[in-house]
Amino acid sequence: FICGLAAVACLGYFAVYVYMSDDSSSNFEDLSKLKDNKKVTSQAKPVVHLDAPEDAPPVLEEFNTLLLKNKNIIGWIQIEDTKIDYPVMQSKDEEYYLDHNIDQEKDNNGAIFIDSDCSIWPRSQNIIIYGHNMKSGRMFGSLDGYKNKDYYDKHPVIRFDTLYDKGKYRVMYVFNDVVHEEAEVAFKYYQFIDANSAQEY
């Protein structure tokens, strides 16, 4: 009887997980269409959530509609022929988008987001982008493919457009690492954003 209850609970959890995953996928497809829709707004320069400096260039037209949906959007990341085709968020609360989606609803998939200390204008030397490694392959789940050189050969470029400019980045290195203890002596690449000098860089 207990095993039967456990099996029903597991199947229920799995059904909810699949439903949420499919629902998320559908939402991201709608967002992608919104991004391409340039018939928008009377605002020439939408205000972003994190105060943009006065010298920031005008926001790219394709982001105007998305910014009306959520002012935490700072860009879009895409790798051709993969599931990675998502808006990129930023919040002063570093953990918010671990379990919230672009609609600011609770969502185990979370959202793709950049480190709160990074800046898209003026651009930080290193922009750290976070996303869950979902077993469904959603979010950054398909990045595991880069362990295989054939996968890299087919997907050597990551496109990351910010609100202000478009960017294409060639993958140079792929490695696994861990979050180190605070007192541990190691290069904590996930804390490196700007170098203090050319030599340090």
Protein backbone atom coordinates (compact mmCIF):
# COMPACT_ATOMS: atom_id res chain seq x y z
CA PHE A 1 0.00 0.00 0.00
CA ILE A 2 2.79 2.40 0.98
CA CYS A 3 4.74 1.53 -2.22
CA GLY A 4 1.57 2.18 -4.24
CA LEU A 5 1.14 5.62 -2.64
CA ALA A 6 4.80 6.42 -3.29
CA ALA A 7 4.42 5.39 -6.95
CA VAL A 8 1.34 7.60 -7.38
CA ALA A 9 3.15 10.53 -5.73
CA CYS A 10 6.19 10.04 -8.03
CA LEU A 11 3.99 9.86 -11.13
CA GLY A 12 2.12 12.97 -10.01
CA TYR A 13 5.38 14.87 -9.49
CA PHE A 14 6.63 13.72 -12.91
CA ALA A 15 3.37 14.82 -14.59
CA VAL A 16 3.59 18.28 -12.99
CA TYR A 17 7.28 18.57 -13.98
CA VAL A 18 6.49 17.68 -17.63
CA TYR A 19 3.52 20.07 -17.69
CA MET A 20 5.59 22.97 -16.29
CA SER A 21 8.43 22.21 -18.71
CA ASP A 22 6.06 22.24 -21.71
CA ASP A 23 4.32 25.37 -20.44
CA SER A 24 7.70 27.11 -20.07
CA SER A 25 8.69 26.07 -23.57
CA SER A 26 5.49 27.54 -25.00
CA ASN A 27 6.04 30.80 -23.08
CA PHE A 28 9.57 31.16 -24.44
CA GLU A 29 8.32 30.66 -28.00
CA ASP A 30 5.81 33.48 -27.43
CA LEU A 31 8.56 35.69 -26.02
CA SER A 32 10.73 35.03 -29.05
CA LYS A 33 7.88 36.26 -31.26
CA LEU A 34 7.49 39.33 -29.04
CA LYS A 35 11.19 40.06 -29.43
CA ASP A 36 10.83 40.05 -33.21
CA ASN A 37 7.73 42.26 -33.10
CA LYS A 38 8.97 45.81 -33.56
CA LYS A 39 5.55 47.49 -33.74
CA VAL A 40 5.62 48.99 -30.29
CA THR A 41 5.51 51.70 -27.78
CA SER A 42 5.52 55.39 -27.70
CA GLN A 43 8.59 55.28 -25.48
CA ALA A 44 11.73 55.91 -27.49
CA LYS A 45 13.95 54.68 -24.68
CA PRO A 46 12.31 52.37 -22.12
CA VAL A 47 13.60 52.58 -18.58
CA VAL A 48 15.31 49.36 -17.47
CA HIS A 49 14.96 47.97 -13.97
CA LEU A 50 18.60 48.50 -13.04
CA ASP A 51 19.23 52.21 -13.49
CA ALA A 52 20.83 52.71 -16.88
CA PRO A 53 23.58 55.37 -17.00
CA GLU A 54 22.67 58.55 -18.81
CA ASP A 55 25.33 57.90 -21.45
CA ALA A 56 23.81 54.52 -22.38
CA PRO A 57 22.87 54.28 -26.07
CA PRO A 58 19.23 53.83 -27.12
CA VAL A 59 17.74 50.41 -26.41
CA LEU A 60 17.62 48.17 -29.48
CA GLU A 61 14.13 48.33 -30.98
CA GLU A 62 13.55 44.58 -30.71
CA PHE A 63 13.63 44.78 -26.89
CA ASN A 64 10.98 47.49 -26.49
CA THR A 65 8.01 45.11 -26.24
CA LEU A 66 9.86 42.73 -23.93
CA LEU A 67 10.80 45.56 -21.58
CA LEU A 68 7.14 46.43 -21.19
CA LYS A 69 6.62 42.84 -20.00
CA ASN A 70 9.50 42.84 -17.51
CA LYS A 71 12.04 45.61 -16.94
CA ASN A 72 14.57 43.09 -15.57
CA ILE A 73 15.35 41.89 -19.11
CA ILE A 74 18.87 42.86 -20.14
CA GLY A 75 19.37 40.74 -23.27
CA TRP A 76 18.79 37.54 -25.20
CA ILE A 77 20.97 34.43 -25.52
CA GLN A 78 20.77 31.91 -28.34
CA ILE A 79 22.75 28.97 -29.70
CA GLU A 80 21.51 27.93 -33.14
CA ASP A 81 19.88 24.50 -33.48
CA THR A 82 19.62 24.05 -29.69
CA LYS A 83 16.94 24.70 -27.07
CA ILE A 84 18.92 27.70 -25.85
CA ASP A 85 16.91 30.69 -27.08
CA TYR A 86 15.97 32.71 -24.01
CA PRO A 87 15.67 36.20 -22.58
CA VAL A 88 18.40 37.05 -20.08
CA MET A 89 17.43 38.73 -16.82
CA GLN A 90 19.20 40.64 -14.05
CA SER A 91 18.03 41.37 -10.53
CA LYS A 92 19.62 42.93 -7.49
CA ASP A 93 18.37 39.82 -5.65
CA GLU A 94 20.91 37.28 -6.93
CA GLU A 95 18.69 34.28 -6.18
CA TYR A 96 15.35 35.56 -7.50
CA TYR A 97 15.58 34.02 -10.98
CA LEU A 98 16.70 30.66 -9.65
CA ASP A 99 13.03 29.83 -9.14
CA HIS A 100 11.08 32.58 -10.94
CA ASN A 101 10.34 33.00 -14.62
CA ILE A 102 10.12 36.13 -16.76
CA ASP A 103 6.50 36.60 -15.65
CA GLN A 104 7.80 36.70 -12.05
CA GLU A 105 5.92 33.50 -11.25
CA LYS A 106 7.38 30.63 -9.22
CA ASP A 107 8.95 28.20 -11.68
CA ASN A 108 11.47 25.40 -11.00
CA ASN A 109 13.05 26.07 -14.40
CA GLY A 110 13.94 29.56 -13.21
CA ALA A 111 15.29 31.90 -15.88
CA ILE A 112 18.63 32.70 -17.47
CA PHE A 113 20.21 35.65 -15.64
CA ILE A 114 23.50 37.49 -15.23
CA ASP A 115 25.39 38.15 -12.04
CA SER A 116 24.06 41.20 -10.19
CA ASP A 117 27.57 42.74 -10.15
CA CYS A 118 27.93 42.56 -13.94
CA SER A 119 27.08 45.52 -16.15
CA ILE A 120 25.94 45.56 -19.76
CA TRP A 121 26.66 49.32 -19.99
CA PRO A 122 29.40 50.14 -19.62
CA ARG A 123 30.11 46.50 -20.37
CA SER A 124 31.96 44.44 -17.76
CA GLN A 125 35.06 42.60 -19.03
CA ASN A 126 33.43 39.32 -18.00
CA ILE A 127 29.68 38.76 -17.96
CA ILE A 128 28.69 35.75 -15.86
CA ILE A 129 25.48 34.09 -17.04
CA TYR A 130 23.62 31.59 -14.88
CA GLY A 131 21.03 28.96 -15.82
CA HIS A 132 19.85 25.62 -14.47
CA ASN A 133 21.21 22.39 -15.97
CA MET A 134 17.74 20.86 -16.45
CA LYS A 135 17.49 17.14 -17.21
CA SER A 136 14.80 18.01 -19.78
CA GLY A 137 17.51 19.86 -21.74
CA ARG A 138 15.77 23.19 -21.09
CA MET A 139 17.57 26.29 -19.85
CA PHE A 140 21.30 25.38 -19.91
CA GLY A 141 20.73 21.61 -19.90
CA SER A 142 22.06 21.22 -23.44
CA LEU A 143 25.43 22.82 -22.60
CA ASP A 144 26.60 19.35 -21.52
CA GLY A 145 26.84 18.65 -25.24
CA TYR A 146 30.05 20.69 -25.33
CA LYS A 147 31.84 17.79 -23.65
CA ASN A 148 31.78 16.28 -27.14
CA LYS A 149 33.93 17.91 -29.84
CA ASP A 150 31.39 17.04 -32.55
CA TYR A 151 28.80 19.08 -30.68
CA TYR A 152 31.21 22.02 -30.48
CA ASP A 153 31.95 21.76 -34.21
CA LYS A 154 28.22 22.17 -34.90
CA HIS A 155 27.67 24.93 -32.31
CA PRO A 156 30.87 27.00 -32.10
CA VAL A 157 29.11 30.36 -31.63
CA ILE A 158 26.94 31.72 -28.83
CA ARG A 159 24.88 34.77 -29.66
CA PHE A 160 24.33 37.15 -26.74
CA ASP A 161 22.58 40.42 -27.54
CA THR A 162 22.20 43.02 -24.79
CA LEU A 163 19.69 45.85 -24.73
CA TYR A 164 22.30 48.06 -26.39
CA ASP A 165 24.30 45.92 -28.80
CA LYS A 166 24.46 42.60 -30.58
CA GLY A 167 27.23 40.09 -29.91
CA LYS A 168 28.55 36.79 -31.23
CA TYR A 169 31.01 34.82 -29.12
CA ARG A 170 33.12 31.88 -30.22
CA VAL A 171 33.46 29.10 -27.66
CA MET A 172 37.14 28.79 -26.71
CA TYR A 173 37.23 26.51 -23.68
CA VAL A 174 34.78 24.23 -21.91
CA PHE A 175 35.36 22.90 -18.41
CA ASN A 176 33.49 21.74 -15.31
CA ASP A 177 34.19 23.39 -11.98
CA VAL A 178 32.68 23.61 -8.51
CA VAL A 179 31.80 26.45 -6.16
CA HIS A 180 34.79 26.58 -3.82
CA GLU A 181 34.73 27.20 -0.10
CA GLU A 182 35.12 30.91 0.67
CA ALA A 183 38.48 30.37 2.44
CA GLU A 184 39.78 27.98 -0.23
CA VAL A 185 42.70 29.26 -2.32
CA ALA A 186 41.60 28.80 -5.93
CA PHE A 187 40.74 30.87 -8.98
CA LYS A 188 37.06 31.50 -8.45
CA TYR A 189 36.23 32.37 -12.05
CA TYR A 190 32.60 33.03 -11.08
CA GLN A 191 33.77 36.01 -9.01
CA PHE A 192 35.90 37.57 -11.76
CA ILE A 193 34.11 40.45 -13.46
CA ASP A 194 36.65 43.23 -14.05
CA ALA A 195 40.42 43.17 -13.79
CA ASN A 196 42.21 45.96 -11.96
CA SER A 197 44.92 46.16 -14.63
CA ALA A 198 45.95 44.79 -18.01
CA GLN A 199 48.53 42.60 -16.27
CA GLU A 200 45.92 41.09 -13.95
CA TYR A 201 43.64 40.42 -16.93
